[in-house]
Amino acid sequence: MIAKARDLMQTEVGVVEASATLRELEQRLAEGRVTGLPVLKKGLVVGVVSRADLIEQLAELAPDRHGRSSYYYQGLESFEAEEMLETFGEAVRAAKVATGGPCKLDTLRVEDVMTPWIAAVSPEDTLETVARSLLEHRVHRVLVLEDQTLLGIISGVDFVRLFAEGKVRGAPARARRSRQ
């Protein structure tokens, strides 16, 4: 029975080094078909970074006529890594034209744009605790850590999968009582 974070967590977790460039970050995101990654420095988790962090940099460099990065709207339509990287390349070229020089995406590092705060749970936390963490922190994923060592990751999609596969039925008794 799935009852603890360790039972639900995905243990094969893509990561990115804090020293990676934003161009390298996008390549990892596209190839992994994910929207965010834990950030490591000397093997320890020091933050998280998402496609939104990257998009924010692109929007500042080459906004469209509405002040948005076209990459945001084009890149999220497809999860094909090759197409996403091609769209990313177009956005980088536009940024170079807009700035007239080297693109910040080649000079900025993940540690420059990452969120140093981490939504994390322990492997022994209950699924209710994990779900509350996702909701309270308004995040899409929580890291499963022991000390600062990454053991796994749990996303909202993992909970949906549990219900879809029939491994969880209904809400906890306490939640059902509060709705009545």
N, C-alpha and C. Protein backbone atom coordinates (compact mmCIF):
# COMPACT_ATOMS: atom_id res chain seq x y z
N MET A 1 0.84 -1.20 0.00
CA MET A 1 0.00 0.00 0.00
C MET A 1 0.88 1.25 0.00
N ILE A 2 0.47 2.22 -0.77
CA ILE A 2 1.21 3.47 -0.86
C ILE A 2 0.72 4.39 0.25
N ALA A 3 1.61 4.68 1.21
CA ALA A 3 1.21 5.48 2.36
C ALA A 3 2.20 6.59 2.69
N LYS A 4 3.43 6.43 2.26
CA LYS A 4 4.49 7.38 2.62
C LYS A 4 5.10 7.98 1.35
N ALA A 5 5.79 9.09 1.54
CA ALA A 5 6.46 9.75 0.42
C ALA A 5 7.40 8.78 -0.30
N ARG A 6 8.11 7.95 0.43
CA ARG A 6 9.06 7.01 -0.18
C ARG A 6 8.36 6.03 -1.11
N ASP A 7 7.05 5.76 -0.86
CA ASP A 7 6.30 4.82 -1.68
C ASP A 7 5.87 5.43 -3.02
N LEU A 8 5.73 6.74 -3.06
CA LEU A 8 5.22 7.42 -4.25
C LEU A 8 6.32 8.12 -5.06
N MET A 9 7.40 8.49 -4.42
CA MET A 9 8.42 9.31 -5.08
C MET A 9 9.03 8.63 -6.29
N GLN A 10 9.37 9.47 -7.26
CA GLN A 10 10.12 9.02 -8.43
C GLN A 10 11.60 9.12 -8.05
N THR A 11 12.32 8.06 -8.21
CA THR A 11 13.72 8.07 -7.78
C THR A 11 14.70 8.44 -8.89
N GLU A 12 14.25 8.34 -10.12
CA GLU A 12 15.10 8.77 -11.24
C GLU A 12 14.77 10.23 -11.51
N VAL A 13 15.58 11.11 -10.95
CA VAL A 13 15.30 12.54 -10.99
C VAL A 13 16.39 13.24 -11.79
N GLY A 14 15.97 13.97 -12.81
CA GLY A 14 16.93 14.81 -13.53
C GLY A 14 17.34 15.96 -12.63
N VAL A 15 18.57 16.37 -12.74
CA VAL A 15 19.08 17.49 -11.96
C VAL A 15 19.91 18.37 -12.88
N VAL A 16 20.21 19.56 -12.41
CA VAL A 16 21.09 20.46 -13.13
C VAL A 16 22.06 21.06 -12.12
N GLU A 17 23.29 21.25 -12.56
CA GLU A 17 24.29 21.86 -11.70
C GLU A 17 24.06 23.37 -11.63
N ALA A 18 24.34 23.95 -10.48
CA ALA A 18 24.16 25.39 -10.29
C ALA A 18 25.00 26.20 -11.27
N SER A 19 26.12 25.65 -11.71
CA SER A 19 27.03 26.36 -12.61
C SER A 19 26.66 26.25 -14.09
N ALA A 20 25.62 25.48 -14.44
CA ALA A 20 25.21 25.32 -15.83
C ALA A 20 24.67 26.64 -16.38
N THR A 21 24.84 26.87 -17.67
CA THR A 21 24.27 28.06 -18.30
C THR A 21 22.77 27.85 -18.51
N LEU A 22 22.08 28.94 -18.76
CA LEU A 22 20.64 28.83 -19.02
C LEU A 22 20.38 28.08 -20.33
N ARG A 23 21.28 28.15 -21.27
CA ARG A 23 21.14 27.37 -22.51
C ARG A 23 21.22 25.88 -22.19
N GLU A 24 22.16 25.50 -21.33
CA GLU A 24 22.27 24.09 -20.91
C GLU A 24 21.03 23.65 -20.13
N LEU A 25 20.49 24.56 -19.33
CA LEU A 25 19.27 24.26 -18.59
C LEU A 25 18.14 23.92 -19.55
N GLU A 26 17.93 24.75 -20.56
CA GLU A 26 16.83 24.49 -21.49
C GLU A 26 17.02 23.16 -22.19
N GLN A 27 18.24 22.82 -22.52
CA GLN A 27 18.48 21.54 -23.18
C GLN A 27 18.07 20.39 -22.25
N ARG A 28 18.41 20.48 -20.97
CA ARG A 28 18.03 19.44 -20.01
C ARG A 28 16.51 19.36 -19.83
N LEU A 29 15.86 20.53 -19.75
CA LEU A 29 14.40 20.55 -19.61
C LEU A 29 13.73 19.91 -20.82
N ALA A 30 14.16 20.29 -22.00
CA ALA A 30 13.56 19.76 -23.23
C ALA A 30 13.81 18.27 -23.36
N GLU A 31 15.04 17.85 -23.15
CA GLU A 31 15.37 16.43 -23.30
C GLU A 31 14.66 15.57 -22.25
N GLY A 32 14.51 16.09 -21.05
CA GLY A 32 13.85 15.35 -19.98
C GLY A 32 12.34 15.47 -20.01
N ARG A 33 11.83 16.35 -20.90
CA ARG A 33 10.39 16.60 -20.99
C ARG A 33 9.80 16.98 -19.64
N VAL A 34 10.49 17.88 -18.96
CA VAL A 34 10.06 18.35 -17.65
C VAL A 34 10.03 19.88 -17.66
N THR A 35 9.39 20.45 -16.66
CA THR A 35 9.30 21.91 -16.57
C THR A 35 10.16 22.48 -15.45
N GLY A 36 10.78 21.63 -14.67
CA GLY A 36 11.63 22.12 -13.59
C GLY A 36 12.58 21.04 -13.12
N LEU A 37 13.67 21.49 -12.50
CA LEU A 37 14.69 20.56 -12.01
C LEU A 37 15.27 21.02 -10.67
N PRO A 38 15.65 20.07 -9.83
CA PRO A 38 16.42 20.42 -8.64
C PRO A 38 17.81 20.89 -9.07
N VAL A 39 18.36 21.81 -8.30
CA VAL A 39 19.69 22.36 -8.59
C VAL A 39 20.67 21.83 -7.55
N LEU A 40 21.78 21.30 -8.03
CA LEU A 40 22.80 20.75 -7.14
C LEU A 40 24.08 21.58 -7.19
N LYS A 41 24.74 21.63 -6.03
CA LYS A 41 26.07 22.23 -5.94
C LYS A 41 26.87 21.33 -5.01
N LYS A 42 27.93 20.77 -5.53
CA LYS A 42 28.76 19.83 -4.78
C LYS A 42 27.93 18.66 -4.26
N GLY A 43 26.97 18.22 -5.08
CA GLY A 43 26.16 17.06 -4.75
C GLY A 43 24.99 17.31 -3.82
N LEU A 44 24.85 18.53 -3.32
CA LEU A 44 23.75 18.85 -2.40
C LEU A 44 22.73 19.74 -3.10
N VAL A 45 21.46 19.57 -2.73
CA VAL A 45 20.38 20.39 -3.30
C VAL A 45 20.47 21.80 -2.72
N VAL A 46 20.55 22.78 -3.64
CA VAL A 46 20.63 24.18 -3.21
C VAL A 46 19.47 25.02 -3.72
N GLY A 47 18.58 24.42 -4.52
CA GLY A 47 17.44 25.17 -5.04
C GLY A 47 16.70 24.39 -6.10
N VAL A 48 15.76 25.07 -6.73
CA VAL A 48 15.02 24.52 -7.86
C VAL A 48 14.98 25.59 -8.94
N VAL A 49 14.85 25.14 -10.19
CA VAL A 49 14.76 26.06 -11.31
C VAL A 49 13.71 25.52 -12.26
N SER A 50 12.97 26.41 -12.88
CA SER A 50 11.89 25.99 -13.76
C SER A 50 11.98 26.69 -15.10
N ARG A 51 11.19 26.20 -16.03
CA ARG A 51 11.11 26.84 -17.35
C ARG A 51 10.63 28.28 -17.17
N ALA A 52 9.79 28.54 -16.18
CA ALA A 52 9.32 29.91 -15.95
C ALA A 52 10.48 30.85 -15.65
N ASP A 53 11.49 30.37 -14.91
CA ASP A 53 12.67 31.20 -14.63
C ASP A 53 13.40 31.54 -15.92
N LEU A 54 13.49 30.56 -16.80
CA LEU A 54 14.14 30.75 -18.09
C LEU A 54 13.32 31.70 -18.97
N ILE A 55 12.03 31.50 -19.00
CA ILE A 55 11.14 32.33 -19.81
C ILE A 55 11.21 33.78 -19.35
N GLU A 56 11.31 33.98 -18.06
CA GLU A 56 11.42 35.34 -17.54
C GLU A 56 12.65 36.05 -18.12
N GLN A 57 13.75 35.33 -18.23
CA GLN A 57 14.96 35.91 -18.82
C GLN A 57 14.74 36.22 -20.29
N LEU A 58 14.11 35.31 -21.03
CA LEU A 58 13.85 35.54 -22.45
C LEU A 58 12.89 36.72 -22.65
N ALA A 59 11.88 36.82 -21.82
CA ALA A 59 10.91 37.91 -21.96
C ALA A 59 11.58 39.25 -21.76
N GLU A 60 12.56 39.30 -20.85
CA GLU A 60 13.28 40.55 -20.62
C GLU A 60 14.15 40.90 -21.82
N LEU A 61 14.66 39.87 -22.51
CA LEU A 61 15.60 40.10 -23.60
C LEU A 61 14.92 40.41 -24.93
N ALA A 62 13.85 39.70 -25.24
CA ALA A 62 13.23 39.86 -26.56
C ALA A 62 11.72 39.69 -26.48
N PRO A 63 11.04 40.61 -25.84
CA PRO A 63 9.58 40.48 -25.74
C PRO A 63 8.92 40.71 -27.09
N ASP A 64 7.76 40.09 -27.27
CA ASP A 64 7.00 40.34 -28.48
C ASP A 64 6.24 41.65 -28.31
N ARG A 65 5.37 41.97 -29.26
CA ARG A 65 4.68 43.26 -29.21
C ARG A 65 3.75 43.38 -28.00
N HIS A 66 3.45 42.26 -27.32
CA HIS A 66 2.62 42.29 -26.13
C HIS A 66 3.46 42.23 -24.86
N GLY A 67 4.79 42.28 -25.01
CA GLY A 67 5.66 42.24 -23.86
C GLY A 67 5.92 40.83 -23.34
N ARG A 68 5.59 39.82 -24.17
CA ARG A 68 5.79 38.43 -23.75
C ARG A 68 6.85 37.80 -24.63
N SER A 69 7.49 36.79 -24.11
CA SER A 69 8.42 36.02 -24.91
C SER A 69 7.63 35.06 -25.80
N SER A 70 7.86 35.11 -27.10
CA SER A 70 7.16 34.19 -27.99
C SER A 70 7.55 32.75 -27.68
N TYR A 71 8.72 32.55 -27.12
CA TYR A 71 9.17 31.20 -26.76
C TYR A 71 8.20 30.57 -25.77
N TYR A 72 7.69 31.37 -24.83
CA TYR A 72 6.77 30.84 -23.83
C TYR A 72 5.57 30.20 -24.50
N TYR A 73 5.01 30.89 -25.46
CA TYR A 73 3.79 30.42 -26.09
C TYR A 73 4.05 29.33 -27.11
N GLN A 74 5.14 29.41 -27.84
CA GLN A 74 5.44 28.38 -28.84
C GLN A 74 6.04 27.15 -28.19
N GLY A 75 6.94 27.34 -27.24
CA GLY A 75 7.67 26.22 -26.66
C GLY A 75 6.81 25.29 -25.83
N LEU A 76 5.72 25.78 -25.28
CA LEU A 76 4.90 24.94 -24.44
C LEU A 76 3.83 24.18 -25.21
N GLU A 77 3.72 24.44 -26.50
CA GLU A 77 2.73 23.73 -27.30
C GLU A 77 3.15 22.31 -27.61
N SER A 78 4.42 22.02 -27.49
CA SER A 78 4.93 20.71 -27.88
C SER A 78 5.90 20.21 -26.83
N PHE A 79 5.89 18.89 -26.63
CA PHE A 79 6.87 18.31 -25.73
C PHE A 79 7.95 17.57 -26.51
N GLU A 80 8.07 17.88 -27.81
CA GLU A 80 9.13 17.28 -28.60
C GLU A 80 10.40 18.09 -28.36
N ALA A 81 11.41 17.45 -27.82
CA ALA A 81 12.65 18.14 -27.44
C ALA A 81 13.26 18.89 -28.61
N GLU A 82 13.29 18.28 -29.78
CA GLU A 82 13.92 18.92 -30.94
C GLU A 82 13.20 20.21 -31.31
N GLU A 83 11.86 20.17 -31.32
CA GLU A 83 11.08 21.36 -31.64
C GLU A 83 11.27 22.44 -30.59
N MET A 84 11.30 22.04 -29.31
CA MET A 84 11.44 23.02 -28.24
C MET A 84 12.81 23.70 -28.33
N LEU A 85 13.84 22.92 -28.62
CA LEU A 85 15.18 23.50 -28.73
C LEU A 85 15.28 24.41 -29.94
N GLU A 86 14.60 24.08 -31.03
CA GLU A 86 14.59 24.93 -32.22
C GLU A 86 13.91 26.26 -31.90
N THR A 87 12.77 26.21 -31.21
CA THR A 87 12.06 27.42 -30.81
C THR A 87 12.92 28.24 -29.85
N PHE A 88 13.59 27.54 -28.95
CA PHE A 88 14.48 28.20 -28.00
C PHE A 88 15.59 28.93 -28.77
N GLY A 89 16.15 28.27 -29.77
CA GLY A 89 17.20 28.87 -30.58
C GLY A 89 16.73 30.14 -31.26
N GLU A 90 15.51 30.12 -31.78
CA GLU A 90 14.93 31.32 -32.41
C GLU A 90 14.81 32.45 -31.39
N ALA A 91 14.38 32.12 -30.19
CA ALA A 91 14.24 33.15 -29.14
C ALA A 91 15.59 33.72 -28.76
N VAL A 92 16.61 32.87 -28.71
CA VAL A 92 17.96 33.34 -28.37
C VAL A 92 18.47 34.26 -29.47
N ARG A 93 18.25 33.89 -30.74
CA ARG A 93 18.68 34.75 -31.85
C ARG A 93 17.98 36.10 -31.77
N ALA A 94 16.69 36.09 -31.46
CA ALA A 94 15.94 37.35 -31.32
C ALA A 94 16.50 38.18 -30.18
N ALA A 95 16.89 37.53 -29.09
CA ALA A 95 17.46 38.24 -27.95
C ALA A 95 18.79 38.87 -28.32
N LYS A 96 19.59 38.15 -29.12
CA LYS A 96 20.89 38.71 -29.54
C LYS A 96 20.68 39.94 -30.41
N VAL A 97 19.69 39.89 -31.30
CA VAL A 97 19.39 41.03 -32.15
C VAL A 97 18.90 42.19 -31.29
N ALA A 98 18.03 41.90 -30.33
CA ALA A 98 17.46 42.95 -29.47
C ALA A 98 18.51 43.62 -28.62
N THR A 99 19.49 42.85 -28.14
CA THR A 99 20.49 43.42 -27.24
C THR A 99 21.74 43.87 -27.98
N GLY A 100 21.93 43.38 -29.21
CA GLY A 100 23.09 43.77 -29.99
C GLY A 100 24.39 43.15 -29.48
N GLY A 101 24.30 42.10 -28.73
CA GLY A 101 25.53 41.49 -28.21
C GLY A 101 25.31 40.07 -27.76
N PRO A 102 26.25 39.55 -26.97
CA PRO A 102 26.11 38.17 -26.51
C PRO A 102 24.85 38.01 -25.66
N CYS A 103 24.25 36.89 -25.77
CA CYS A 103 23.01 36.62 -25.06
C CYS A 103 23.30 36.25 -23.61
N LYS A 104 22.48 36.81 -22.71
CA LYS A 104 22.63 36.47 -21.29
C LYS A 104 22.43 34.99 -21.03
N LEU A 105 21.74 34.30 -21.93
CA LEU A 105 21.50 32.88 -21.72
C LEU A 105 22.78 32.06 -21.83
N ASP A 106 23.79 32.65 -22.44
CA ASP A 106 25.08 31.97 -22.52
C ASP A 106 26.00 32.38 -21.38
N THR A 107 25.64 33.45 -20.69
CA THR A 107 26.51 33.93 -19.60
C THR A 107 25.88 33.75 -18.22
N LEU A 108 24.55 33.85 -18.15
CA LEU A 108 23.89 33.63 -16.86
C LEU A 108 23.95 32.16 -16.48
N ARG A 109 24.07 31.90 -15.21
CA ARG A 109 24.12 30.54 -14.68
C ARG A 109 22.80 30.22 -13.99
N VAL A 110 22.53 28.93 -13.85
CA VAL A 110 21.32 28.48 -13.17
C VAL A 110 21.24 29.12 -11.78
N GLU A 111 22.36 29.18 -11.08
CA GLU A 111 22.35 29.75 -9.72
C GLU A 111 21.94 31.22 -9.71
N ASP A 112 22.02 31.90 -10.85
CA ASP A 112 21.62 33.30 -10.93
C ASP A 112 20.11 33.48 -10.98
N VAL A 113 19.39 32.45 -11.41
CA VAL A 113 17.95 32.58 -11.60
C VAL A 113 17.12 31.57 -10.81
N MET A 114 17.77 30.61 -10.17
CA MET A 114 17.05 29.56 -9.44
C MET A 114 16.35 30.13 -8.21
N THR A 115 15.42 29.37 -7.70
CA THR A 115 14.78 29.69 -6.43
C THR A 115 15.53 28.93 -5.35
N PRO A 116 16.15 29.64 -4.42
CA PRO A 116 16.94 28.94 -3.40
C PRO A 116 16.07 28.25 -2.34
N TRP A 117 14.80 28.60 -2.31
CA TRP A 117 13.88 27.97 -1.37
C TRP A 117 13.38 26.68 -1.97
N ILE A 118 13.27 25.64 -1.17
CA ILE A 118 12.89 24.32 -1.67
C ILE A 118 11.68 23.80 -0.90
N ALA A 119 10.64 23.37 -1.62
CA ALA A 119 9.52 22.67 -1.00
C ALA A 119 9.96 21.22 -0.90
N ALA A 120 10.11 20.74 0.32
CA ALA A 120 10.65 19.39 0.51
C ALA A 120 9.90 18.64 1.60
N VAL A 121 9.93 17.33 1.48
CA VAL A 121 9.37 16.44 2.49
C VAL A 121 10.40 15.36 2.78
N SER A 122 10.17 14.64 3.85
CA SER A 122 11.06 13.52 4.17
C SER A 122 10.45 12.24 3.60
N PRO A 123 11.25 11.21 3.43
CA PRO A 123 10.72 9.96 2.87
C PRO A 123 9.66 9.31 3.75
N GLU A 124 9.62 9.64 5.04
CA GLU A 124 8.66 9.05 5.96
C GLU A 124 7.37 9.86 6.11
N ASP A 125 7.31 11.03 5.47
CA ASP A 125 6.08 11.83 5.54
C ASP A 125 4.93 11.10 4.87
N THR A 126 3.73 11.32 5.40
CA THR A 126 2.53 10.70 4.83
C THR A 126 2.17 11.38 3.51
N LEU A 127 1.34 10.71 2.72
CA LEU A 127 0.89 11.31 1.46
C LEU A 127 0.04 12.55 1.72
N GLU A 128 -0.67 12.56 2.83
CA GLU A 128 -1.45 13.76 3.19
C GLU A 128 -0.51 14.94 3.40
N THR A 129 0.61 14.71 4.08
CA THR A 129 1.60 15.77 4.30
C THR A 129 2.17 16.26 2.98
N VAL A 130 2.46 15.33 2.07
CA VAL A 130 2.99 15.69 0.75
C VAL A 130 1.97 16.53 0.00
N ALA A 131 0.71 16.10 -0.02
CA ALA A 131 -0.34 16.83 -0.73
C ALA A 131 -0.51 18.23 -0.13
N ARG A 132 -0.51 18.33 1.18
CA ARG A 132 -0.63 19.64 1.83
C ARG A 132 0.53 20.55 1.45
N SER A 133 1.73 19.99 1.36
CA SER A 133 2.91 20.77 0.98
C SER A 133 2.75 21.32 -0.43
N LEU A 134 2.28 20.50 -1.35
CA LEU A 134 2.05 20.96 -2.73
C LEU A 134 1.04 22.10 -2.74
N LEU A 135 -0.05 21.95 -2.00
CA LEU A 135 -1.10 22.97 -1.98
C LEU A 135 -0.68 24.24 -1.25
N GLU A 136 -0.13 24.09 -0.07
CA GLU A 136 0.24 25.25 0.74
C GLU A 136 1.33 26.10 0.09
N HIS A 137 2.28 25.44 -0.55
CA HIS A 137 3.39 26.17 -1.17
C HIS A 137 3.10 26.56 -2.61
N ARG A 138 1.94 26.05 -3.14
CA ARG A 138 1.53 26.36 -4.51
C ARG A 138 2.63 26.02 -5.50
N VAL A 139 3.11 24.79 -5.40
CA VAL A 139 4.17 24.31 -6.28
C VAL A 139 3.69 23.06 -7.02
N HIS A 140 4.40 22.72 -8.07
CA HIS A 140 4.04 21.56 -8.89
C HIS A 140 4.76 20.29 -8.46
N ARG A 141 5.81 20.48 -7.67
CA ARG A 141 6.59 19.31 -7.25
C ARG A 141 7.23 19.58 -5.90
N VAL A 142 7.41 18.53 -5.13
CA VAL A 142 8.17 18.62 -3.89
C VAL A 142 9.32 17.63 -3.98
N LEU A 143 10.43 18.02 -3.41
CA LEU A 143 11.58 17.14 -3.38
C LEU A 143 11.52 16.28 -2.13
N VAL A 144 11.98 15.06 -2.24
CA VAL A 144 12.08 14.18 -1.09
C VAL A 144 13.56 14.19 -0.71
N LEU A 145 13.84 14.76 0.47
CA LEU A 145 15.22 14.95 0.91
C LEU A 145 15.47 14.27 2.24
N GLU A 146 16.70 13.84 2.41
CA GLU A 146 17.19 13.41 3.71
C GLU A 146 18.45 14.21 3.92
N ASP A 147 18.46 15.07 4.93
CA ASP A 147 19.45 16.13 5.07
C ASP A 147 19.32 16.98 3.82
N GLN A 148 20.38 17.21 3.08
CA GLN A 148 20.26 17.95 1.81
C GLN A 148 20.45 17.02 0.62
N THR A 149 20.36 15.73 0.87
CA THR A 149 20.56 14.74 -0.19
C THR A 149 19.22 14.41 -0.85
N LEU A 150 19.19 14.51 -2.17
CA LEU A 150 17.99 14.25 -2.95
C LEU A 150 17.76 12.75 -3.08
N LEU A 151 16.59 12.30 -2.61
CA LEU A 151 16.21 10.90 -2.75
C LEU A 151 15.20 10.68 -3.86
N GLY A 152 14.35 11.70 -4.10
CA GLY A 152 13.31 11.56 -5.11
C GLY A 152 12.53 12.84 -5.27
N ILE A 153 11.46 12.73 -6.06
CA ILE A 153 10.60 13.88 -6.34
C ILE A 153 9.17 13.38 -6.47
N ILE A 154 8.22 14.19 -6.03
CA ILE A 154 6.80 13.87 -6.15
C ILE A 154 6.10 15.08 -6.77
N SER A 155 5.31 14.83 -7.80
CA SER A 155 4.57 15.92 -8.45
C SER A 155 3.08 15.70 -8.27
N GLY A 156 2.33 16.73 -8.58
CA GLY A 156 0.88 16.60 -8.55
C GLY A 156 0.39 15.52 -9.49
N VAL A 157 1.08 15.32 -10.59
CA VAL A 157 0.72 14.28 -11.55
C VAL A 157 0.83 12.89 -10.92
N ASP A 158 1.78 12.72 -10.00
CA ASP A 158 1.92 11.43 -9.32
C ASP A 158 0.65 11.10 -8.52
N PHE A 159 0.03 12.11 -7.92
CA PHE A 159 -1.22 11.89 -7.18
C PHE A 159 -2.36 11.55 -8.14
N VAL A 160 -2.42 12.24 -9.26
CA VAL A 160 -3.45 11.95 -10.25
C VAL A 160 -3.30 10.50 -10.73
N ARG A 161 -2.06 10.08 -10.96
CA ARG A 161 -1.82 8.71 -11.40
C ARG A 161 -2.32 7.70 -10.37
N LEU A 162 -2.12 7.99 -9.08
CA LEU A 162 -2.61 7.09 -8.02
C LEU A 162 -4.11 6.88 -8.13
N PHE A 163 -4.85 7.97 -8.29
CA PHE A 163 -6.31 7.87 -8.42
C PHE A 163 -6.70 7.15 -9.70
N ALA A 164 -6.04 7.50 -10.81
CA ALA A 164 -6.36 6.90 -12.10
C ALA A 164 -6.12 5.39 -12.10
N GLU A 165 -5.09 4.97 -11.37
CA GLU A 165 -4.76 3.54 -11.30
C GLU A 165 -5.54 2.82 -10.21
N GLY A 166 -6.42 3.55 -9.50
CA GLY A 166 -7.24 2.93 -8.46
C GLY A 166 -6.49 2.56 -7.21
N LYS A 167 -5.34 3.17 -6.98
CA LYS A 167 -4.54 2.85 -5.80
C LYS A 167 -4.94 3.66 -4.58
N VAL A 168 -5.77 4.69 -4.80
CA VAL A 168 -6.28 5.52 -3.71
C VAL A 168 -7.76 5.71 -3.98
N ARG A 169 -8.56 5.57 -2.96
CA ARG A 169 -10.01 5.73 -3.12
C ARG A 169 -10.49 6.85 -2.20
N GLY A 170 -11.14 7.84 -2.79
CA GLY A 170 -11.76 8.90 -2.00
C GLY A 170 -10.80 9.74 -1.20
N ALA A 171 -11.36 10.65 -0.44
CA ALA A 171 -10.58 11.55 0.40
C ALA A 171 -10.46 10.96 1.80
N PRO A 172 -9.47 11.40 2.57
CA PRO A 172 -9.37 10.93 3.95
C PRO A 172 -10.65 11.25 4.72
N ALA A 173 -10.99 10.44 5.73
CA ALA A 173 -12.22 10.62 6.50
C ALA A 173 -12.35 12.04 7.03
N ARG A 174 -11.28 12.60 7.53
CA ARG A 174 -11.31 13.95 8.09
C ARG A 174 -11.75 14.96 7.03
N ALA A 175 -11.25 14.83 5.79
CA ALA A 175 -11.60 15.75 4.69
C ALA A 175 -13.06 15.56 4.31
N ARG A 176 -13.57 14.32 4.28
CA ARG A 176 -14.97 14.09 3.93
C ARG A 176 -15.88 14.73 4.96
N ARG A 177 -15.55 14.60 6.23
CA ARG A 177 -16.39 15.18 7.29
C ARG A 177 -16.45 16.70 7.17
N SER A 178 -15.33 17.34 6.81
CA SER A 178 -15.30 18.80 6.75
C SER A 178 -16.12 19.35 5.58
N ARG A 179 -16.36 18.53 4.56
CA ARG A 179 -17.15 18.99 3.40
C ARG A 179 -18.63 18.82 3.64
N GLN A 180 -19.03 18.00 4.61
CA GLN A 180 -20.45 17.72 4.84
C GLN A 180 -21.11 18.79 5.67
